[in-house]
Amino acid sequence: WFEENGKWYYGQTNGVLQTSWLKDGQDWYYFK
C-alpha cells in the first residue's frame, strides 16, 4: 500500500500496480 496525491494504490510483490480486485487480510478492495 502507498498513497500518492490523496489516492491509494497497491504495488504487487513484483512492483506492478494492482488493478481489479485484491483481497488483503479479510477485506476486498477494487483498483481502477
All heavy atoms as atom14 arrays in JSON, in Angstrom:
{
  "sequence": "WFEENGKWYYGQTNGVLQTSWLKDGQDWYYFK",
  "atom14_mask": [
    [1, 1, 1, 1, 1, 1, 1, 1, 1, 1, 1, 1, 1, 1],
    [1, 1, 1, 1, 1, 1, 1, 1, 1, 1, 1, 0, 0, 0],
    [1, 1, 1, 1, 1, 1, 1, 1, 1, 0, 0, 0, 0, 0],
    [1, 1, 1, 1, 1, 1, 1, 1, 1, 0, 0, 0, 0, 0],
    [1, 1, 1, 1, 1, 1, 1, 1, 0, 0, 0, 0, 0, 0],
    [1, 1, 1, 1, 0, 0, 0, 0, 0, 0, 0, 0, 0, 0],
    [1, 1, 1, 1, 1, 1, 1, 1, 1, 0, 0, 0, 0, 0],
    [1, 1, 1, 1, 1, 1, 1, 1, 1, 1, 1, 1, 1, 1],
    [1, 1, 1, 1, 1, 1, 1, 1, 1, 1, 1, 1, 0, 0],
    [1, 1, 1, 1, 1, 1, 1, 1, 1, 1, 1, 1, 0, 0],
    [1, 1, 1, 1, 0, 0, 0, 0, 0, 0, 0, 0, 0, 0],
    [1, 1, 1, 1, 1, 1, 1, 1, 1, 0, 0, 0, 0, 0],
    [1, 1, 1, 1, 1, 1, 1, 0, 0, 0, 0, 0, 0, 0],
    [1, 1, 1, 1, 1, 1, 1, 1, 0, 0, 0, 0, 0, 0],
    [1, 1, 1, 1, 0, 0, 0, 0, 0, 0, 0, 0, 0, 0],
    [1, 1, 1, 1, 1, 1, 1, 0, 0, 0, 0, 0, 0, 0],
    [1, 1, 1, 1, 1, 1, 1, 1, 0, 0, 0, 0, 0, 0],
    [1, 1, 1, 1, 1, 1, 1, 1, 1, 0, 0, 0, 0, 0],
    [1, 1, 1, 1, 1, 1, 1, 0, 0, 0, 0, 0, 0, 0],
    [1, 1, 1, 1, 1, 1, 0, 0, 0, 0, 0, 0, 0, 0],
    [1, 1, 1, 1, 1, 1, 1, 1, 1, 1, 1, 1, 1, 1],
    [1, 1, 1, 1, 1, 1, 1, 1, 0, 0, 0, 0, 0, 0],
    [1, 1, 1, 1, 1, 1, 1, 1, 1, 0, 0, 0, 0, 0],
    [1, 1, 1, 1, 1, 1, 1, 1, 0, 0, 0, 0, 0, 0],
    [1, 1, 1, 1, 0, 0, 0, 0, 0, 0, 0, 0, 0, 0],
    [1, 1, 1, 1, 1, 1, 1, 1, 1, 0, 0, 0, 0, 0],
    [1, 1, 1, 1, 1, 1, 1, 1, 0, 0, 0, 0, 0, 0],
    [1, 1, 1, 1, 1, 1, 1, 1, 1, 1, 1, 1, 1, 1],
    [1, 1, 1, 1, 1, 1, 1, 1, 1, 1, 1, 1, 0, 0],
    [1, 1, 1, 1, 1, 1, 1, 1, 1, 1, 1, 1, 0, 0],
    [1, 1, 1, 1, 1, 1, 1, 1, 1, 1, 1, 0, 0, 0],
    [1, 1, 1, 1, 1, 1, 1, 1, 1, 0, 0, 0, 0, 0]
  ],
  "atom14_positions": [
    [[0.83, -1.21, 0.0], [0.0, 0.0, 0.0], [0.86, 1.26, 0.0], [1.87, 1.33, 0.7], [-0.89, 0.03, 1.24], [-2.0, -0.97, 1.23], [-2.02, -2.2, 1.82], [-3.27, -0.82, 0.59], [-3.2, -2.83, 1.6], [-4.0, -2.01, 0.84], [-3.86, 0.19, -0.17], [-5.29, -2.21, 0.37], [-5.15, -0.01, -0.64], [-5.85, -1.19, -0.38]],
    [[0.45, 2.25, -0.79], [1.09, 3.56, -0.72], [0.11, 4.63, -1.2], [-0.82, 4.36, -1.97], [2.39, 3.62, -1.53], [2.23, 3.48, -3.01], [2.09, 4.59, -3.83], [2.23, 2.22, -3.6], [1.95, 4.46, -5.21], [2.1, 2.08, -4.98], [1.95, 3.2, -5.78], [0.0, 0.0, 0.0], [0.0, 0.0, 0.0], [0.0, 0.0, 0.0]],
    [[0.29, 5.84, -0.69], [-0.6, 6.96, -1.02], [0.15, 7.97, -1.87], [1.32, 8.28, -1.62], [-1.1, 7.64, 0.25], [-2.13, 8.73, 0.0], [-2.62, 9.38, 1.29], [-1.98, 9.15, 2.34], [-3.62, 10.12, 1.24], [0.0, 0.0, 0.0], [0.0, 0.0, 0.0], [0.0, 0.0, 0.0], [0.0, 0.0, 0.0], [0.0, 0.0, 0.0]],
    [[-0.5, 8.48, -2.88], [0.1, 9.48, -3.77], [-0.99, 10.46, -4.19], [-2.01, 10.07, -4.76], [0.72, 8.8, -4.99], [1.31, 9.75, -6.01], [2.52, 10.52, -5.49], [3.11, 10.09, -4.47], [2.86, 11.55, -6.1], [0.0, 0.0, 0.0], [0.0, 0.0, 0.0], [0.0, 0.0, 0.0], [0.0, 0.0, 0.0], [0.0, 0.0, 0.0]],
    [[-0.77, 11.73, -3.86], [-1.72, 12.79, -4.21], [-3.13, 12.49, -3.74], [-4.12, 12.7, -4.47], [-1.71, 13.06, -5.72], [-0.4, 13.64, -6.2], [0.27, 14.37, -5.46], [-0.02, 13.32, -7.43], [0.0, 0.0, 0.0], [0.0, 0.0, 0.0], [0.0, 0.0, 0.0], [0.0, 0.0, 0.0], [0.0, 0.0, 0.0], [0.0, 0.0, 0.0]],
    [[-3.24, 11.97, -2.51], [-4.55, 11.74, -1.91], [-5.25, 10.47, -2.36], [-6.37, 10.2, -1.93], [0.0, 0.0, 0.0], [0.0, 0.0, 0.0], [0.0, 0.0, 0.0], [0.0, 0.0, 0.0], [0.0, 0.0, 0.0], [0.0, 0.0, 0.0], [0.0, 0.0, 0.0], [0.0, 0.0, 0.0], [0.0, 0.0, 0.0], [0.0, 0.0, 0.0]],
    [[-4.6, 9.65, -3.21], [-5.2, 8.4, -3.67], [-4.34, 7.23, -3.21], [-3.12, 7.35, -3.1], [-5.33, 8.39, -5.19], [-6.3, 9.42, -5.74], [-6.41, 9.31, -7.25], [-7.4, 10.32, -7.81], [-7.54, 10.22, -9.29], [0.0, 0.0, 0.0], [0.0, 0.0, 0.0], [0.0, 0.0, 0.0], [0.0, 0.0, 0.0], [0.0, 0.0, 0.0]],
    [[-5.02, 6.11, -2.96], [-4.31, 4.91, -2.52], [-4.1, 3.95, -3.68], [-4.96, 3.78, -4.54], [-5.09, 4.22, -1.4], [-4.92, 4.9, -0.08], [-5.73, 5.84, 0.48], [-3.83, 4.72, 0.82], [-5.23, 6.26, 1.68], [-4.06, 5.59, 1.93], [-2.68, 3.93, 0.83], [-3.18, 5.66, 3.0], [-1.81, 4.0, 1.9], [-2.07, 4.86, 2.97]],
    [[-2.92, 3.32, -3.65], [-2.53, 2.36, -4.67], [-1.93, 1.14, -3.98], [-1.58, 1.19, -2.8], [-1.49, 2.97, -5.62], [-1.96, 4.22, -6.32], [-1.86, 5.47, -5.71], [-2.49, 4.16, -7.61], [-2.29, 6.62, -6.36], [-2.92, 5.31, -8.26], [-2.81, 6.53, -7.63], [-3.24, 7.66, -8.27], [0.0, 0.0, 0.0], [0.0, 0.0, 0.0]],
    [[-1.78, 0.09, -4.77], [-1.18, -1.12, -4.23], [-0.21, -1.71, -5.25], [-0.6, -2.03, -6.38], [-2.25, -2.16, -3.87], [-1.71, -3.36, -3.12], [-1.65, -3.36, -1.72], [-1.25, -4.49, -3.78], [-1.16, -4.44, -1.01], [-0.74, -5.58, -3.09], [-0.7, -5.54, -1.7], [-0.2, -6.61, -1.01], [0.0, 0.0, 0.0], [0.0, 0.0, 0.0]],
    [[1.06, -1.82, -4.86], [2.06, -2.43, -5.72], [2.21, -3.9, -5.38], [2.41, -4.25, -4.21], [0.0, 0.0, 0.0], [0.0, 0.0, 0.0], [0.0, 0.0, 0.0], [0.0, 0.0, 0.0], [0.0, 0.0, 0.0], [0.0, 0.0, 0.0], [0.0, 0.0, 0.0], [0.0, 0.0, 0.0], [0.0, 0.0, 0.0], [0.0, 0.0, 0.0]],
    [[2.07, -4.77, -6.39], [2.24, -6.2, -6.15], [3.68, -6.47, -5.75], [4.54, -5.6, -5.79], [1.85, -6.97, -7.41], [0.41, -6.75, -7.86], [0.1, -7.42, -9.18], [0.54, -8.54, -9.45], [-0.67, -6.74, -10.02], [0.0, 0.0, 0.0], [0.0, 0.0, 0.0], [0.0, 0.0, 0.0], [0.0, 0.0, 0.0], [0.0, 0.0, 0.0]],
    [[3.97, -7.73, -5.39], [5.32, -8.06, -4.92], [6.38, -7.78, -5.98], [7.52, -7.49, -5.65], [5.4, -9.54, -4.5], [4.93, -10.36, -5.58], [4.55, -9.8, -3.26], [0.0, 0.0, 0.0], [0.0, 0.0, 0.0], [0.0, 0.0, 0.0], [0.0, 0.0, 0.0], [0.0, 0.0, 0.0], [0.0, 0.0, 0.0], [0.0, 0.0, 0.0]],
    [[5.97, -7.83, -7.27], [6.91, -7.51, -8.34], [6.85, -6.04, -8.73], [7.49, -5.62, -9.7], [6.65, -8.39, -9.57], [5.26, -8.17, -10.16], [4.48, -7.37, -9.65], [4.95, -8.89, -11.21], [0.0, 0.0, 0.0], [0.0, 0.0, 0.0], [0.0, 0.0, 0.0], [0.0, 0.0, 0.0], [0.0, 0.0, 0.0], [0.0, 0.0, 0.0]],
    [[6.07, -5.25, -7.97], [6.0, -3.82, -8.2], [4.94, -3.38, -9.18], [4.63, -2.19, -9.26], [0.0, 0.0, 0.0], [0.0, 0.0, 0.0], [0.0, 0.0, 0.0], [0.0, 0.0, 0.0], [0.0, 0.0, 0.0], [0.0, 0.0, 0.0], [0.0, 0.0, 0.0], [0.0, 0.0, 0.0], [0.0, 0.0, 0.0], [0.0, 0.0, 0.0]],
    [[4.38, -4.33, -9.96], [3.35, -3.96, -10.92], [2.13, -3.44, -10.17], [1.68, -4.03, -9.19], [2.96, -5.15, -11.81], [1.8, -4.79, -12.73], [4.15, -5.62, -12.62], [0.0, 0.0, 0.0], [0.0, 0.0, 0.0], [0.0, 0.0, 0.0], [0.0, 0.0, 0.0], [0.0, 0.0, 0.0], [0.0, 0.0, 0.0], [0.0, 0.0, 0.0]],
    [[1.59, -2.33, -10.64], [0.46, -1.7, -9.98], [-0.77, -2.6, -10.07], [-1.11, -3.11, -11.14], [0.16, -0.35, -10.64], [-0.47, 0.72, -9.75], [0.41, 1.04, -8.57], [-0.73, 1.97, -10.57], [0.0, 0.0, 0.0], [0.0, 0.0, 0.0], [0.0, 0.0, 0.0], [0.0, 0.0, 0.0], [0.0, 0.0, 0.0], [0.0, 0.0, 0.0]],
    [[-1.43, -2.82, -8.93], [-2.61, -3.66, -8.88], [-3.79, -2.99, -9.58], [-4.03, -1.8, -9.42], [-2.99, -3.93, -7.41], [-4.26, -4.73, -7.23], [-4.09, -6.18, -7.62], [-3.01, -6.75, -7.48], [-5.16, -6.8, -8.09], [0.0, 0.0, 0.0], [0.0, 0.0, 0.0], [0.0, 0.0, 0.0], [0.0, 0.0, 0.0], [0.0, 0.0, 0.0]],
    [[-4.49, -3.76, -10.38], [-5.78, -3.35, -10.92], [-6.77, -4.48, -10.65], [-6.36, -5.59, -10.34], [-5.71, -3.06, -12.44], [-5.24, -4.23, -13.12], [-4.78, -1.89, -12.73], [0.0, 0.0, 0.0], [0.0, 0.0, 0.0], [0.0, 0.0, 0.0], [0.0, 0.0, 0.0], [0.0, 0.0, 0.0], [0.0, 0.0, 0.0], [0.0, 0.0, 0.0]],
    [[-8.06, -4.19, -10.73], [-9.1, -5.17, -10.46], [-9.16, -5.47, -8.95], [-8.71, -4.67, -8.13], [-8.89, -6.43, -11.29], [-10.0, -7.29, -11.18], [0.0, 0.0, 0.0], [0.0, 0.0, 0.0], [0.0, 0.0, 0.0], [0.0, 0.0, 0.0], [0.0, 0.0, 0.0], [0.0, 0.0, 0.0], [0.0, 0.0, 0.0], [0.0, 0.0, 0.0]],
    [[-9.68, -6.63, -8.6], [-9.92, -6.95, -7.19], [-8.66, -7.42, -6.47], [-7.81, -8.08, -7.05], [-10.98, -8.05, -7.08], [-12.36, -7.59, -7.42], [-13.02, -7.76, -8.59], [-13.24, -6.86, -6.56], [-14.27, -7.18, -8.53], [-14.43, -6.62, -7.3], [-13.14, -6.37, -5.26], [-15.5, -5.92, -6.76], [-14.22, -5.68, -4.72], [-15.39, -5.47, -5.46]],
    [[-8.58, -7.08, -5.19], [-7.47, -7.51, -4.33], [-8.04, -7.87, -2.96], [-8.82, -7.11, -2.38], [-6.44, -6.4, -4.16], [-5.39, -6.63, -3.07], [-4.38, -7.69, -3.53], [-4.68, -5.34, -2.7], [0.0, 0.0, 0.0], [0.0, 0.0, 0.0], [0.0, 0.0, 0.0], [0.0, 0.0, 0.0], [0.0, 0.0, 0.0], [0.0, 0.0, 0.0]],
    [[-7.66, -9.04, -2.46], [-8.03, -9.41, -1.1], [-6.82, -9.19, -0.21], [-5.76, -9.79, -0.4], [-8.48, -10.87, -1.01], [-9.05, -11.21, 0.36], [-9.61, -12.62, 0.41], [-10.29, -12.87, 1.76], [-10.8, -14.25, 1.88], [0.0, 0.0, 0.0], [0.0, 0.0, 0.0], [0.0, 0.0, 0.0], [0.0, 0.0, 0.0], [0.0, 0.0, 0.0]],
    [[-6.97, -8.33, 0.8], [-5.9, -8.04, 1.74], [-6.43, -8.34, 3.14], [-7.32, -7.65, 3.63], [-5.47, -6.57, 1.63], [-4.26, -6.26, 2.48], [-3.43, -7.16, 2.69], [-4.15, -5.12, 2.97], [0.0, 0.0, 0.0], [0.0, 0.0, 0.0], [0.0, 0.0, 0.0], [0.0, 0.0, 0.0], [0.0, 0.0, 0.0], [0.0, 0.0, 0.0]],
    [[-5.89, -9.39, 3.76], [-6.46, -9.83, 5.03], [-7.83, -10.43, 4.77], [-8.01, -11.32, 3.95], [0.0, 0.0, 0.0], [0.0, 0.0, 0.0], [0.0, 0.0, 0.0], [0.0, 0.0, 0.0], [0.0, 0.0, 0.0], [0.0, 0.0, 0.0], [0.0, 0.0, 0.0], [0.0, 0.0, 0.0], [0.0, 0.0, 0.0], [0.0, 0.0, 0.0]],
    [[-8.85, -9.91, 5.45], [-10.21, -10.39, 5.27], [-11.04, -9.47, 4.38], [-12.23, -9.72, 4.15], [-10.9, -10.51, 6.65], [-10.26, -11.54, 7.57], [-10.27, -12.93, 6.95], [-11.3, -13.41, 6.48], [-9.11, -13.59, 6.96], [0.0, 0.0, 0.0], [0.0, 0.0, 0.0], [0.0, 0.0, 0.0], [0.0, 0.0, 0.0], [0.0, 0.0, 0.0]],
    [[-10.45, -8.43, 3.88], [-11.2, -7.42, 3.12], [-10.85, -7.45, 1.64], [-9.7, -7.72, 1.25], [-10.92, -6.02, 3.68], [-11.43, -5.85, 5.1], [-12.54, -6.34, 5.39], [-10.71, -5.25, 5.92], [0.0, 0.0, 0.0], [0.0, 0.0, 0.0], [0.0, 0.0, 0.0], [0.0, 0.0, 0.0], [0.0, 0.0, 0.0], [0.0, 0.0, 0.0]],
    [[-11.86, -7.11, 0.82], [-11.69, -6.99, -0.62], [-11.67, -5.53, -1.02], [-12.43, -4.72, -0.5], [-12.84, -7.7, -1.36], [-12.75, -9.19, -1.35], [-13.3, -10.04, -0.44], [-12.07, -10.0, -2.3], [-13.01, -11.34, -0.76], [-12.26, -11.35, -1.91], [-11.33, -9.73, -3.45], [-11.73, -12.42, -2.61], [-10.81, -10.8, -4.17], [-11.01, -12.12, -3.75]],
    [[-10.79, -5.19, -1.96], [-10.67, -3.84, -2.5], [-10.69, -3.92, -4.02], [-10.36, -4.95, -4.6], [-9.36, -3.18, -2.05], [-9.2, -3.09, -0.54], [-8.71, -4.17, 0.19], [-9.51, -1.91, 0.15], [-8.56, -4.1, 1.57], [-9.36, -1.83, 1.52], [-8.88, -2.93, 2.22], [-8.73, -2.84, 3.58], [0.0, 0.0, 0.0], [0.0, 0.0, 0.0]],
    [[-11.06, -2.8, -4.64], [-11.05, -2.77, -6.1], [-10.2, -1.59, -6.56], [-10.35, -0.46, -6.06], [-12.47, -2.62, -6.67], [-12.5, -2.72, -8.17], [-12.52, -3.96, -8.8], [-12.45, -1.58, -8.97], [-12.51, -4.07, -10.18], [-12.44, -1.68, -10.35], [-12.47, -2.93, -10.95], [-12.47, -3.02, -12.32], [0.0, 0.0, 0.0], [0.0, 0.0, 0.0]],
    [[-9.33, -1.87, -7.53], [-8.44, -0.84, -8.07], [-8.78, -0.6, -9.54], [-8.89, -1.54, -10.33], [-6.98, -1.26, -7.92], [-6.56, -1.38, -6.48], [-6.78, -2.56, -5.79], [-5.97, -0.31, -5.83], [-6.41, -2.67, -4.45], [-5.6, -0.42, -4.5], [-5.82, -1.59, -3.81], [0.0, 0.0, 0.0], [0.0, 0.0, 0.0], [0.0, 0.0, 0.0]],
    [[-8.96, 0.66, -9.88], [-9.35, 1.04, -11.24], [-8.19, 0.84, -12.22], [-7.08, 0.49, -11.83], [-9.84, 2.49, -11.23], [-11.11, 2.68, -10.41], [-11.59, 4.12, -10.39], [-10.81, 4.96, -9.41], [-11.39, 6.31, -9.22], [0.0, 0.0, 0.0], [0.0, 0.0, 0.0], [0.0, 0.0, 0.0], [0.0, 0.0, 0.0], [0.0, 0.0, 0.0]]
  ]
}
